[in-house]
Amino acid sequence: MSTIASLIVKNDVLCFYALNRKIRCNLLNFFMKCITQLGSTTFAISACIFFLLYNRHMGIILVLNLVVSQSVIHLLKRVVNRPRPYKSLEWAIAIKPPKCKYSLPSGHSASSLSIALVLSFFFPTLRIVILSFALLVGISRVYLGCHYPTDVSIGFLISFAIFETLEHLVLI
């Protein structure tokens, strides 16, 4: 492994350790289990239905963004085959571990950012609040032991790239 790659892996594990082990408390356990749901399949489908009814154009953009980003995410999960941290690190704490055994990239993180980017586009005055919730979802995935920080970052990058592509193709 190259020096840069080993440095990335080392820092990934250090960041994972800090979020997964160092700041643990009952209040955070409860909060993170709740906030992570903003990236769940159930929440994403509910958001799509709600926004299709509320504003058809916004709902269609949201559906497109989620379908394309999640397709890329699930394809990459099978290509990369990175095991989840609670499977690889004996000291990792996992709260409600997911059924999917692949870690990279994070689907919850990508889903939450996909929703946040579309909502931020249509409600720009709420952008900081909306994007903060997506960031909290990403942090929750590491805290809960489901993902490494790089899994979350790559999930965010995929979601952002797809939103930007759709914005240029569809929204403008």
Protein backbone atom coordinates (compact mmCIF):
# COMPACT_ATOMS: atom_id res chain seq x y z
CA MET A 1 0.00 0.00 0.00
CA SER A 2 1.32 3.43 -0.87
CA THR A 3 2.25 5.94 1.79
CA ILE A 4 -0.71 8.17 0.94
CA ALA A 5 -3.16 5.25 1.03
CA SER A 6 -1.82 4.01 4.37
CA LEU A 7 -2.03 7.54 5.79
CA ILE A 8 -5.67 7.79 4.65
CA VAL A 9 -6.51 4.41 6.21
CA LYS A 10 -4.73 5.33 9.46
CA ASN A 11 -6.57 8.65 9.76
CA ASP A 12 -9.84 6.98 8.78
CA VAL A 13 -9.50 4.56 11.69
CA LEU A 14 -8.44 7.35 14.08
CA CYS A 15 -11.48 9.46 13.15
CA PHE A 16 -13.71 6.40 13.40
CA TYR A 17 -12.31 5.67 16.88
CA ALA A 18 -12.90 9.26 18.04
CA LEU A 19 -16.54 9.28 16.89
CA ASN A 20 -17.37 5.67 17.71
CA ARG A 21 -15.65 5.24 21.08
CA LYS A 22 -14.53 8.52 22.64
CA ILE A 23 -17.73 10.60 22.79
CA ARG A 24 -20.20 7.87 23.73
CA CYS A 25 -23.11 8.59 26.08
CA ASN A 26 -26.77 7.57 26.40
CA LEU A 27 -28.08 10.89 25.10
CA LEU A 28 -25.89 10.68 21.97
CA ASN A 29 -26.85 7.03 21.47
CA PHE A 30 -30.52 8.06 21.37
CA PHE A 31 -29.91 11.15 19.22
CA MET A 32 -27.74 9.33 16.66
CA LYS A 33 -30.24 6.46 16.32
CA CYS A 34 -32.93 9.06 15.57
CA ILE A 35 -30.95 11.34 13.25
CA THR A 36 -29.64 8.44 11.16
CA GLN A 37 -33.23 7.72 10.10
CA LEU A 38 -33.13 10.87 7.93
CA GLY A 39 -30.99 8.84 5.52
CA SER A 40 -33.08 5.66 5.63
CA THR A 41 -34.95 4.14 2.72
CA THR A 42 -38.25 4.66 4.53
CA PHE A 43 -37.57 8.36 5.04
CA ALA A 44 -36.35 8.84 1.45
CA ILE A 45 -39.44 7.18 -0.04
CA SER A 46 -41.71 9.18 2.29
CA ALA A 47 -39.96 12.41 1.30
CA CYS A 48 -40.37 11.57 -2.39
CA ILE A 49 -44.09 10.91 -2.00
CA PHE A 50 -44.60 14.06 0.08
CA PHE A 51 -42.73 16.32 -2.35
CA LEU A 52 -44.35 14.77 -5.41
CA LEU A 53 -47.68 15.79 -3.88
CA TYR A 54 -46.44 19.17 -2.59
CA ASN A 55 -44.55 20.30 -5.70
CA ARG A 56 -44.41 17.87 -8.63
CA HIS A 57 -41.27 19.40 -10.17
CA MET A 58 -39.37 19.27 -6.86
CA GLY A 59 -40.60 15.71 -6.26
CA ILE A 60 -39.42 14.54 -9.69
CA ILE A 61 -35.98 16.09 -9.16
CA LEU A 62 -35.79 14.42 -5.74
CA VAL A 63 -36.80 11.02 -7.12
CA LEU A 64 -34.28 11.29 -9.97
CA ASN A 65 -31.49 12.36 -7.63
CA LEU A 66 -32.18 9.55 -5.15
CA VAL A 67 -32.62 6.81 -7.76
CA VAL A 68 -29.42 7.68 -9.62
CA SER A 69 -27.30 8.24 -6.50
CA GLN A 70 -28.52 5.07 -4.77
CA SER A 71 -27.95 3.04 -7.94
CA VAL A 72 -24.35 4.24 -8.05
CA ILE A 73 -23.93 3.65 -4.30
CA HIS A 74 -25.18 0.06 -4.41
CA LEU A 75 -23.14 -0.75 -7.50
CA LEU A 76 -19.98 0.59 -5.84
CA LYS A 77 -20.69 -1.31 -2.61
CA ARG A 78 -20.56 -4.58 -4.56
CA VAL A 79 -17.49 -3.58 -6.57
CA VAL A 80 -15.44 -2.31 -3.61
CA ASN A 81 -16.58 -4.94 -1.05
CA ARG A 82 -15.21 -3.00 1.93
CA PRO A 83 -16.39 -4.65 5.16
CA ARG A 84 -18.14 -2.53 7.74
CA PRO A 85 -15.95 -1.27 10.60
CA TYR A 86 -17.73 -3.33 13.25
CA LYS A 87 -16.77 -6.41 11.20
CA SER A 88 -13.12 -5.33 10.78
CA LEU A 89 -12.29 -3.63 14.07
CA GLU A 90 -12.78 -5.80 17.13
CA TRP A 91 -13.13 -2.76 19.40
CA ALA A 92 -15.81 -1.02 17.28
CA ILE A 93 -19.22 -0.51 18.85
CA ALA A 94 -22.17 -1.14 16.54
CA ILE A 95 -25.66 0.05 17.38
CA LYS A 96 -28.36 -1.45 15.15
CA PRO A 97 -25.93 -2.75 12.50
CA PRO A 98 -27.36 -2.88 8.97
CA LYS A 99 -28.04 -6.08 7.05
CA CYS A 100 -25.87 -5.07 4.08
CA LYS A 101 -22.31 -6.20 4.79
CA TYR A 102 -20.61 -3.59 2.59
CA SER A 103 -19.44 -0.26 3.95
CA LEU A 104 -18.17 1.89 1.08
CA PRO A 105 -19.88 4.21 0.17
CA SER A 106 -22.51 5.18 2.74
CA GLY A 107 -26.04 4.98 1.35
CA HIS A 108 -27.62 6.82 4.30
CA SER A 109 -25.16 9.70 3.86
CA ALA A 110 -25.77 9.90 0.13
CA SER A 111 -29.53 9.71 0.59
CA SER A 112 -29.61 12.43 3.24
CA LEU A 113 -27.44 14.75 1.14
CA SER A 114 -29.51 14.05 -1.99
CA ILE A 115 -32.63 15.14 -0.13
CA ALA A 116 -30.85 18.10 1.46
CA LEU A 117 -29.44 19.38 -1.84
CA VAL A 118 -32.81 19.30 -3.58
CA LEU A 119 -34.56 20.97 -0.64
CA SER A 120 -31.76 23.58 -0.40
CA PHE A 121 -32.20 24.36 -4.08
CA PHE A 122 -35.91 25.00 -3.65
CA PHE A 123 -35.67 26.57 -0.15
CA PRO A 124 -32.37 28.52 -0.22
CA THR A 125 -33.08 30.46 2.98
CA LEU A 126 -33.07 27.14 4.89
CA ARG A 127 -29.90 25.81 3.21
CA ILE A 128 -27.63 25.86 6.29
CA VAL A 129 -30.18 24.10 8.50
CA ILE A 130 -31.04 21.51 5.87
CA LEU A 131 -27.40 20.72 5.02
CA SER A 132 -26.56 20.53 8.74
CA PHE A 133 -29.03 17.68 9.14
CA ALA A 134 -27.37 15.80 6.26
CA LEU A 135 -23.97 16.29 7.92
CA LEU A 136 -25.38 14.95 11.19
CA VAL A 137 -26.62 11.84 9.37
CA GLY A 138 -23.08 11.23 8.11
CA ILE A 139 -21.65 11.66 11.61
CA SER A 140 -24.31 9.32 13.00
CA ARG A 141 -23.26 6.56 10.59
CA VAL A 142 -19.73 6.64 12.02
CA TYR A 143 -20.91 7.02 15.63
CA LEU A 144 -23.21 4.01 15.22
CA GLY A 145 -20.32 1.89 13.91
CA CYS A 146 -21.79 1.37 10.44
CA HIS A 147 -19.26 3.34 8.35
CA TYR A 148 -15.78 4.78 8.27
CA PRO A 149 -15.51 8.55 7.71
CA THR A 150 -14.29 7.96 4.14
CA ASP A 151 -17.43 5.91 3.39
CA VAL A 152 -19.51 8.91 4.45
CA SER A 153 -17.36 11.37 2.48
CA ILE A 154 -17.55 9.32 -0.69
CA GLY A 155 -21.32 8.89 -0.27
CA PHE A 156 -21.59 12.68 0.03
CA LEU A 157 -19.36 13.23 -3.02
CA ILE A 158 -21.42 10.86 -5.17
CA SER A 159 -24.65 12.53 -4.13
CA PHE A 160 -23.24 15.99 -4.79
CA ALA A 161 -21.86 15.04 -8.22
CA ILE A 162 -25.17 13.53 -9.28
CA PHE A 163 -27.13 16.55 -8.03
CA GLU A 164 -24.82 18.91 -9.94
CA THR A 165 -25.21 16.81 -13.09
CA LEU A 166 -28.99 16.72 -12.77
CA GLU A 167 -29.08 20.44 -12.01
CA HIS A 168 -27.35 21.19 -15.30
CA LEU A 169 -29.40 18.68 -17.28
CA VAL A 170 -32.85 19.19 -15.78
CA LEU A 171 -33.21 22.17 -13.49
CA ILE A 172 -31.74 24.95 -15.64
